[in-house]
Protein backbone atom coordinates (compact mmCIF):
# COMPACT_ATOMS: atom_id res chain seq x y z
CA MET A 1 8.56 -6.23 27.19
CA THR A 2 4.89 -5.95 28.16
CA ALA A 3 2.18 -8.20 26.83
CA GLY A 4 1.00 -5.39 24.58
CA ASP A 5 4.48 -4.98 23.11
CA ALA A 6 5.17 -8.66 22.48
CA PRO A 7 5.44 -9.96 18.93
CA LEU A 8 2.15 -11.32 17.67
CA SER A 9 1.78 -15.03 17.17
CA ALA A 10 -0.03 -16.88 14.41
CA GLN A 11 -0.63 -19.65 16.94
CA ASP A 12 -3.20 -17.74 19.04
CA GLN A 13 -6.27 -19.86 19.78
CA PRO A 14 -8.61 -19.18 16.84
CA VAL A 15 -11.93 -17.52 17.61
CA GLY A 16 -14.49 -15.75 15.41
CA PRO A 17 -14.00 -15.57 11.63
CA GLY A 18 -11.35 -18.03 10.54
CA ALA A 19 -11.67 -20.26 13.59
CA ALA A 20 -13.32 -23.06 11.64
CA ALA A 21 -10.70 -22.87 8.92
CA ALA A 22 -7.91 -23.06 11.47
CA ALA A 23 -9.55 -26.00 13.19
CA SER A 24 -10.05 -27.83 9.90
CA GLU A 25 -6.44 -27.30 8.94
CA ALA A 26 -5.22 -28.50 12.34
CA ALA A 27 -7.30 -31.65 11.90
CA GLY A 28 -5.71 -32.31 8.52
CA THR A 29 -8.80 -31.48 6.48
CA ASP A 30 -9.30 -28.72 3.94
CA PRO A 31 -11.75 -25.89 4.63
CA THR A 32 -14.76 -26.42 2.40
CA THR A 33 -17.10 -23.46 2.90
CA PRO A 34 -16.47 -20.16 1.10
CA ALA A 35 -16.01 -18.42 4.46
CA GLU A 36 -13.40 -20.96 5.53
CA GLN A 37 -11.62 -20.63 2.20
CA ASP A 38 -11.58 -16.83 2.56
CA ALA A 39 -10.17 -17.11 6.06
CA ARG A 40 -7.43 -19.52 5.08
CA ARG A 41 -6.46 -17.39 2.09
CA LYS A 42 -6.17 -14.25 4.23
CA ASP A 43 -4.02 -15.98 6.83
CA ASP A 44 -1.89 -17.52 4.05
CA HIS A 45 -1.34 -14.03 2.63
CA VAL A 46 0.00 -12.77 5.97
CA ARG A 47 2.33 -15.73 6.44
CA LEU A 48 3.74 -15.62 2.91
CA ALA A 49 4.01 -11.82 2.79
CA VAL A 50 6.07 -11.70 5.99
CA ALA A 51 8.42 -14.34 4.58
CA GLN A 52 9.05 -12.18 1.50
CA HIS A 53 10.33 -9.29 3.61
CA ALA A 54 13.12 -11.13 5.44
CA GLU A 55 15.86 -9.30 3.53
CA PRO A 56 15.25 -6.15 1.45
CA GLY A 57 16.84 -6.62 -1.95
CA PRO A 58 17.86 -4.37 -4.83
CA SER A 59 15.23 -1.96 -6.02
CA ASP A 60 14.56 0.49 -8.83
CA PHE A 61 14.78 3.16 -6.14
CA ASP A 62 18.55 2.54 -6.27
CA HIS A 63 18.52 4.01 -9.78
CA VAL A 64 17.10 7.36 -8.62
CA ARG A 65 19.87 9.37 -7.00
CA PRO A 66 19.29 12.87 -5.58
CA MET A 67 21.98 15.34 -6.64
CA ASN A 68 23.94 16.78 -3.73
CA HIS A 69 24.14 20.60 -3.56
CA PRO A 70 25.83 21.31 -0.17
CA LEU A 71 25.14 25.05 -0.10
CA ALA A 72 21.46 24.47 -0.85
CA ALA A 73 20.85 22.51 2.38
CA GLY A 74 18.19 24.03 4.62
CA ASP A 75 17.14 24.54 8.24
CA ARG A 76 15.60 21.44 9.86
CA SER A 77 13.37 23.57 12.08
CA GLN A 78 11.71 25.01 8.96
CA VAL A 79 10.80 21.65 7.39
CA SER A 80 7.14 20.61 7.29
CA LEU A 81 6.06 17.04 6.59
CA ARG A 82 2.49 18.05 5.77
CA THR A 83 1.46 16.88 2.33
CA THR A 84 -1.44 18.20 0.29
CA GLY A 85 -2.78 17.19 -3.08
CA ARG A 86 -5.90 17.94 -5.03
CA VAL A 87 -7.97 16.01 -2.49
CA LEU A 88 -5.68 14.55 0.17
CA ASP A 89 -4.40 16.68 3.05
CA TRP A 90 -2.29 14.67 5.49
CA THR A 91 0.03 15.79 8.28
CA VAL A 92 2.70 13.34 7.11
CA PRO A 93 3.60 11.89 3.68
CA LEU A 94 3.72 8.28 4.92
CA TYR A 95 0.86 5.80 5.40
CA ILE A 96 0.31 2.19 6.40
CA ASN A 97 -1.05 0.58 3.27
CA GLY A 98 -3.94 -1.87 3.22
CA MET A 99 -3.02 -5.32 4.45
CA THR A 100 -5.52 -7.64 6.06
CA GLY A 101 -8.63 -8.37 8.09
CA GLY A 102 -11.40 -10.93 8.32
CA THR A 103 -9.96 -13.62 10.62
CA ALA A 104 -9.09 -13.99 14.28
CA HIS A 105 -5.37 -13.64 13.62
CA THR A 106 -5.73 -10.67 11.29
CA ALA A 107 -8.03 -8.94 13.79
CA THR A 108 -5.13 -9.03 16.24
CA ILE A 109 -2.84 -7.60 13.58
CA ASN A 110 -5.28 -4.81 12.70
CA ARG A 111 -5.62 -3.91 16.36
CA ALA A 112 -1.87 -3.38 16.62
CA LEU A 113 -1.71 -1.50 13.32
CA ALA A 114 -4.52 0.81 14.43
CA LEU A 115 -2.68 1.62 17.65
CA ALA A 116 0.54 2.27 15.73
CA ALA A 117 -1.30 4.61 13.36
CA ARG A 118 -2.86 6.43 16.30
CA GLU A 119 0.49 6.85 18.06
CA THR A 120 2.35 8.11 14.99
CA GLY A 121 -0.38 10.04 13.18
CA VAL A 122 0.01 8.19 9.88
CA PRO A 123 -3.06 7.33 7.77
CA ILE A 124 -3.93 3.64 7.51
CA GLY A 125 -5.69 1.45 4.96
CA SER A 126 -7.63 -1.72 5.65
CA GLY A 127 -7.29 -5.03 3.93
CA SER A 128 -9.93 -6.03 1.40
CA THR A 129 -13.34 -5.75 3.06
CA GLY A 130 -15.20 -7.97 0.63
CA ILE A 131 -15.45 -10.72 3.24
CA LEU A 132 -17.52 -8.62 5.62
CA HIS A 133 -20.38 -8.50 3.10
CA ARG A 134 -20.51 -12.31 3.19
CA GLU A 135 -19.54 -12.82 6.82
CA PRO A 136 -20.82 -10.15 9.22
CA ALA A 137 -18.76 -11.78 11.98
CA ALA A 138 -15.69 -10.37 10.21
CA ILE A 139 -16.77 -6.76 10.78
CA PRO A 140 -14.96 -6.23 14.12
CA SER A 141 -11.64 -7.29 12.58
CA PHE A 142 -11.90 -4.27 10.26
CA ARG A 143 -13.84 -1.86 12.47
CA VAL A 144 -10.99 -1.97 15.01
CA LEU A 145 -9.02 0.32 12.66
CA ARG A 146 -11.49 3.11 13.47
CA ASP A 147 -12.46 2.15 17.01
CA LEU A 148 -8.86 2.34 18.27
CA ASN A 149 -7.92 5.24 16.01
CA PRO A 150 -10.93 7.57 16.22
CA ASP A 151 -9.20 10.71 14.95
CA GLY A 152 -6.99 9.11 12.32
CA PHE A 153 -7.37 8.97 8.54
CA VAL A 154 -8.71 5.54 7.57
CA LEU A 155 -9.09 4.12 4.07
CA ALA A 156 -11.50 1.23 3.51
CA ASN A 157 -10.35 -1.22 0.84
CA VAL A 158 -12.60 -3.05 -1.63
CA ASN A 159 -12.13 -5.05 -4.80
CA ALA A 160 -13.31 -3.71 -8.13
CA ASN A 161 -16.16 -6.22 -8.35
CA LEU A 162 -18.16 -4.97 -5.37
CA THR A 163 -21.33 -3.05 -6.10
CA PRO A 164 -21.38 0.68 -5.36
CA ALA A 165 -23.76 -0.04 -2.47
CA GLN A 166 -21.36 -2.59 -0.99
CA ALA A 167 -18.43 -0.20 -1.39
CA ARG A 168 -20.33 2.54 0.40
CA ARG A 169 -21.30 0.08 3.12
CA SER A 170 -17.61 -0.72 3.66
CA VAL A 171 -16.94 2.99 4.08
CA GLU A 172 -19.79 3.29 6.59
CA ILE A 173 -18.77 0.24 8.62
CA LEU A 174 -15.19 1.47 9.00
CA GLY A 175 -16.13 5.12 9.37
CA ALA A 176 -13.59 5.63 6.59
CA ASP A 177 -12.34 8.95 5.26
CA ALA A 178 -11.56 7.54 1.81
CA LEU A 179 -12.10 4.38 -0.20
CA GLN A 180 -9.36 2.28 -1.79
CA VAL A 181 -10.34 0.13 -4.76
CA HIS A 182 -7.71 -2.43 -5.62
CA VAL A 183 -7.15 -3.70 -9.15
CA ASN A 184 -5.11 -6.88 -9.32
CA PRO A 185 -5.55 -8.90 -12.51
CA ALA A 186 -2.18 -10.66 -12.25
CA GLN A 187 -2.92 -11.83 -8.72
CA GLU A 188 -6.39 -12.99 -9.73
CA ILE A 189 -5.06 -14.95 -12.70
CA VAL A 190 -2.58 -16.82 -10.51
CA MET A 191 -5.02 -17.27 -7.61
CA PRO A 192 -6.66 -20.70 -7.93
CA GLU A 193 -10.06 -19.28 -6.94
CA GLY A 194 -9.50 -15.89 -8.57
CA ASP A 195 -11.52 -13.93 -11.11
CA ARG A 196 -11.01 -14.38 -14.84
CA ASP A 197 -13.12 -11.54 -16.27
CA PHE A 198 -11.91 -7.96 -15.73
CA THR A 199 -13.85 -6.23 -18.48
CA ARG A 200 -16.40 -4.62 -16.13
CA TRP A 201 -13.90 -3.02 -13.77
CA ALA A 202 -13.68 0.43 -15.37
CA ASP A 203 -17.45 0.96 -15.50
CA ASN A 204 -17.85 -0.37 -11.98
CA ILE A 205 -15.12 1.92 -10.64
CA ALA A 206 -16.91 4.90 -12.17
CA ALA A 207 -20.13 3.81 -10.44
CA ILE A 208 -18.29 3.34 -7.13
CA VAL A 209 -16.82 6.84 -7.45
CA ASP A 210 -20.32 8.26 -7.94
CA GLY A 211 -21.74 6.47 -4.92
CA ALA A 212 -18.90 6.26 -2.40
CA GLY A 213 -19.50 9.57 -0.65
CA VAL A 214 -15.76 9.91 0.02
CA PRO A 215 -12.67 10.34 -2.20
CA VAL A 216 -11.74 7.18 -4.09
CA VAL A 217 -8.17 5.91 -4.44
CA VAL A 218 -7.43 3.13 -6.93
CA LYS A 219 -4.37 1.02 -6.26
CA GLU A 220 -2.57 -1.93 -7.74
CA VAL A 221 -1.29 -4.60 -5.37
CA GLY A 222 2.31 -4.75 -6.53
CA ALA A 223 2.32 -4.89 -10.34
CA GLY A 224 2.37 -1.17 -11.06
CA MET A 225 0.38 1.27 -13.16
CA SER A 226 0.93 2.72 -16.62
CA ARG A 227 0.44 6.33 -17.73
CA GLY A 228 -2.60 5.35 -19.77
CA THR A 229 -4.17 3.57 -16.81
CA VAL A 230 -3.67 6.60 -14.56
CA GLU A 231 -5.21 8.87 -17.20
CA ARG A 232 -8.21 6.59 -17.59
CA LEU A 233 -8.74 6.41 -13.83
CA ARG A 234 -8.56 10.20 -13.62
CA ASP A 235 -11.22 10.44 -16.31
CA LEU A 236 -13.40 8.04 -14.29
CA GLY A 237 -13.35 10.54 -11.43
CA VAL A 238 -10.81 8.86 -9.18
CA ALA A 239 -9.17 11.27 -6.71
CA ALA A 240 -5.82 9.49 -6.39
CA VAL A 241 -3.94 6.55 -7.86
CA ASP A 242 -1.46 4.40 -5.93
CA VAL A 243 0.94 3.06 -8.55
CA SER A 244 1.86 0.23 -6.13
CA GLY A 245 4.70 -1.35 -8.06
CA ARG A 246 6.70 -4.54 -7.93
CA GLY A 247 9.59 -4.89 -5.51
CA GLY A 248 7.58 -5.18 -2.30
CA THR A 249 5.02 -7.82 -1.41
CA ASP A 250 4.63 -9.99 -4.52
CA PHE A 251 1.08 -11.33 -4.65
CA THR A 252 1.67 -13.30 -7.84
CA ALA A 253 4.40 -15.20 -5.99
CA ILE A 254 2.14 -15.60 -2.95
CA GLU A 255 -0.72 -17.01 -5.02
CA SER A 256 1.68 -19.25 -6.92
CA ALA A 257 2.91 -20.67 -3.61
CA ARG A 258 -0.69 -21.45 -2.63
CA ARG A 259 -1.31 -23.51 -5.76
CA THR A 260 -1.08 -27.29 -5.75
CA ASP A 261 -0.48 -27.70 -9.50
CA GLY A 262 3.12 -26.54 -9.78
CA GLY A 263 2.33 -22.84 -9.57
CA MET A 264 2.98 -19.92 -11.89
CA ASP A 265 6.15 -18.67 -10.26
CA TYR A 266 7.41 -17.43 -13.63
CA LEU A 267 5.02 -14.48 -13.19
CA ALA A 268 6.82 -13.32 -10.05
CA SER A 269 7.90 -9.67 -10.37
CA TRP A 270 5.29 -9.09 -13.08
CA GLY A 271 4.71 -5.49 -14.06
CA GLN A 272 6.37 -2.16 -13.31
CA SER A 273 8.01 -0.78 -10.20
CA ALA A 274 6.67 2.20 -8.26
CA VAL A 275 9.58 4.23 -9.64
CA GLU A 276 8.65 3.34 -13.21
CA GLY A 277 4.99 4.05 -12.53
CA LEU A 278 5.72 7.51 -11.11
CA LEU A 279 7.99 8.37 -14.02
CA ASP A 280 5.52 7.06 -16.60
CA ALA A 281 2.69 9.11 -15.06
CA SER A 282 4.79 12.21 -14.38
CA SER A 283 3.06 14.14 -17.17
CA VAL A 284 -0.48 13.32 -16.01
CA ASP A 285 -2.44 16.20 -14.47
CA GLY A 286 -5.66 16.20 -12.50
CA VAL A 287 -5.07 13.30 -10.11
CA ASP A 288 -2.93 12.73 -7.01
CA LEU A 289 -0.26 10.05 -7.25
CA LEU A 290 0.57 7.78 -4.33
CA ALA A 291 3.47 5.34 -4.29
CA SER A 292 4.01 1.97 -2.66
CA GLY A 293 5.82 -1.25 -3.40
CA GLY A 294 9.44 -1.90 -2.50
CA VAL A 295 9.82 1.09 -0.17
CA ARG A 296 12.69 0.01 2.08
CA ASN A 297 13.78 3.09 4.01
CA PRO A 298 13.25 6.86 4.46
CA LEU A 299 15.42 7.66 1.44
CA ASP A 300 13.07 5.62 -0.75
CA VAL A 301 10.19 7.65 0.68
CA VAL A 302 11.94 10.89 -0.29
CA ARG A 303 12.78 9.54 -3.74
CA ALA A 304 9.12 8.71 -4.36
CA LEU A 305 7.98 12.12 -3.14
CA ALA A 306 10.57 13.79 -5.37
CA LEU A 307 9.21 11.80 -8.32
CA GLY A 308 5.77 13.28 -7.75
CA ALA A 309 4.05 11.15 -5.13
CA THR A 310 1.81 12.99 -2.68
CA ALA A 311 2.43 10.29 -0.07
CA VAL A 312 4.13 6.90 0.21
CA GLY A 313 2.68 3.66 1.54
CA VAL A 314 4.38 0.75 3.28
CA ALA A 315 2.78 -2.58 4.10
CA GLY A 316 4.90 -5.74 4.16
CA GLY A 317 7.96 -4.22 5.80
CA PHE A 318 5.89 -2.74 8.63
CA LEU A 319 3.98 -6.01 9.00
CA ARG A 320 7.19 -7.95 9.45
CA THR A 321 8.40 -5.50 12.11
CA LEU A 322 5.10 -5.90 13.95
CA LEU A 323 5.07 -9.69 13.85
CA THR A 324 8.73 -10.18 14.70
CA ASP A 325 9.44 -7.33 17.11
CA GLY A 326 6.08 -6.10 18.38
CA GLU A 327 3.89 -3.04 18.36
CA ALA A 328 6.33 -0.77 20.22
CA ALA A 329 9.04 -1.57 17.67
CA LEU A 330 6.69 -0.68 14.81
CA VAL A 331 5.80 2.65 16.42
CA ALA A 332 9.49 3.39 16.92
CA ARG A 333 10.26 2.49 13.31
CA ILE A 334 7.54 4.72 11.89
CA GLU A 335 8.57 7.63 14.13
CA SER A 336 12.20 7.16 13.12
CA TRP A 337 11.27 7.13 9.43
CA LEU A 338 9.31 10.35 9.76
CA THR A 339 12.21 12.05 11.53
CA GLN A 340 14.65 10.87 8.89
CA VAL A 341 12.42 11.95 6.02
CA GLY A 342 12.58 15.45 7.49
CA ASP A 343 16.34 15.17 7.88
CA ILE A 344 16.79 14.18 4.22
CA MET A 345 14.50 17.01 3.12
CA THR A 346 16.77 19.38 5.04
CA LEU A 347 19.80 17.93 3.28
CA LEU A 348 18.09 18.59 -0.06
CA GLY A 349 16.97 22.11 0.85
CA ALA A 350 13.28 21.20 0.69
CA ARG A 351 11.07 22.91 3.27
CA THR A 352 7.91 21.19 2.02
CA VAL A 353 7.00 17.97 0.26
CA THR A 354 6.16 20.01 -2.83
CA ASP A 355 9.69 21.47 -2.80
CA LEU A 356 11.05 17.96 -3.34
CA ARG A 357 9.65 18.06 -6.88
CA ARG A 358 12.30 20.66 -7.70
CA VAL A 359 15.18 18.52 -6.44
CA ASP A 360 17.60 17.27 -9.09
CA LEU A 361 17.34 13.51 -9.60
CA LEU A 362 19.80 11.38 -11.55
CA VAL A 363 17.79 8.59 -13.18
CA THR A 364 20.19 5.85 -14.24
CA GLY A 365 20.51 2.22 -15.30
CA PRO A 366 17.49 0.14 -16.29
CA VAL A 367 15.09 2.84 -15.06
CA ARG A 368 16.59 5.29 -17.55
CA GLU A 369 16.20 2.65 -20.25
CA PHE A 370 12.54 2.30 -19.25
CA CYS A 371 12.15 6.07 -19.61
CA GLU A 372 13.67 6.02 -23.08
CA LEU A 373 11.34 3.24 -24.17
CA ARG A 374 8.28 5.01 -22.75
CA GLY A 375 9.15 8.49 -24.01
CA VAL A 376 9.87 9.99 -20.58
CA ASP A 377 12.58 12.67 -20.50
CA ALA A 378 14.76 11.29 -17.70
CA ALA A 379 17.40 13.99 -18.21
CA SER A 380 14.92 16.73 -17.33
CA PHE A 381 14.74 15.42 -13.77
CA ALA A 382 18.48 16.09 -13.36
CA ARG A 383 18.13 19.81 -14.13
CA ARG A 384 15.09 20.89 -12.14
CA SER A 385 16.71 23.09 -9.49
CA GLY A 386 18.73 25.36 -11.76
CA LEU A 387 21.83 24.75 -9.63
């Protein structure tokens, strides 16, 4: 294993943004400045997120079963992984979702993620870039996503409180092709230093859309989206919505673990899964749907695509591979997933990602109950192919 392939360590000597926070913590004192608090929070998020992905558990994806039609299987050489929506046009239907940035340790992570994206051709999102507007020293930890991946598709990530000018500045700094705006009220409520007023988000998102200069994607951070939310975002001019459901990295649990007052762990697994979000929004036109949250393997990717997603994002699982096994292992995992997605498409007789939306899906168990409660015709998904 070469030095470049070795697993990354959280114990690297801190330099740049986050160094003061790390030094304060090592000395047994709490970071006191806003910049130090930001840095510690971001490094806490990485540590706690990786711990959540030690063992993939049950998922709502298990309740979406593609129907097997043996004589409908196709020719692998005819399968294309290119995915196109109303705005997005990507060579593959898989992307590395926004994770981190802003500290010395996360800069090292972003460097490795950028190289993995470059090697595999998958789009990549940044972590929240709000810190770089307060701490210019944090810029290189985000800019590395473009510098090491000059021809890739990069999404800059911002929170819904940034001004349109700040959001556009994030796009410019990263040389981003699109902007992600994350909406995360449950995380903020549990976060000790989080926001408590979300009433301005919709108007601000509309203003960001007008001023971004690139397509805008709005995403949750693991609590899911409802049909009504997707419709409202579409009407605000958003190009795509990542339903980002529960089952993957749980930020309410992460923020609860960071609290010193006993936490709010009873809010863990708050919200809807990506599967439920895709089903709930299946009747919504005029906006691309993306899916993330609890995606464990290539079959889950295909399930999400068959439920209507234009592409599927993975964050925590890829992060754990990177930090435990190294950059080369992450590249190999992504390449293997892409190959297997094509293999499963062949099995289902789908030559394109769009063809997957005609595959018969058996929606069962609690997901079917969700559909009944929300007025979604789950049975119609089982009879799409006519076979």
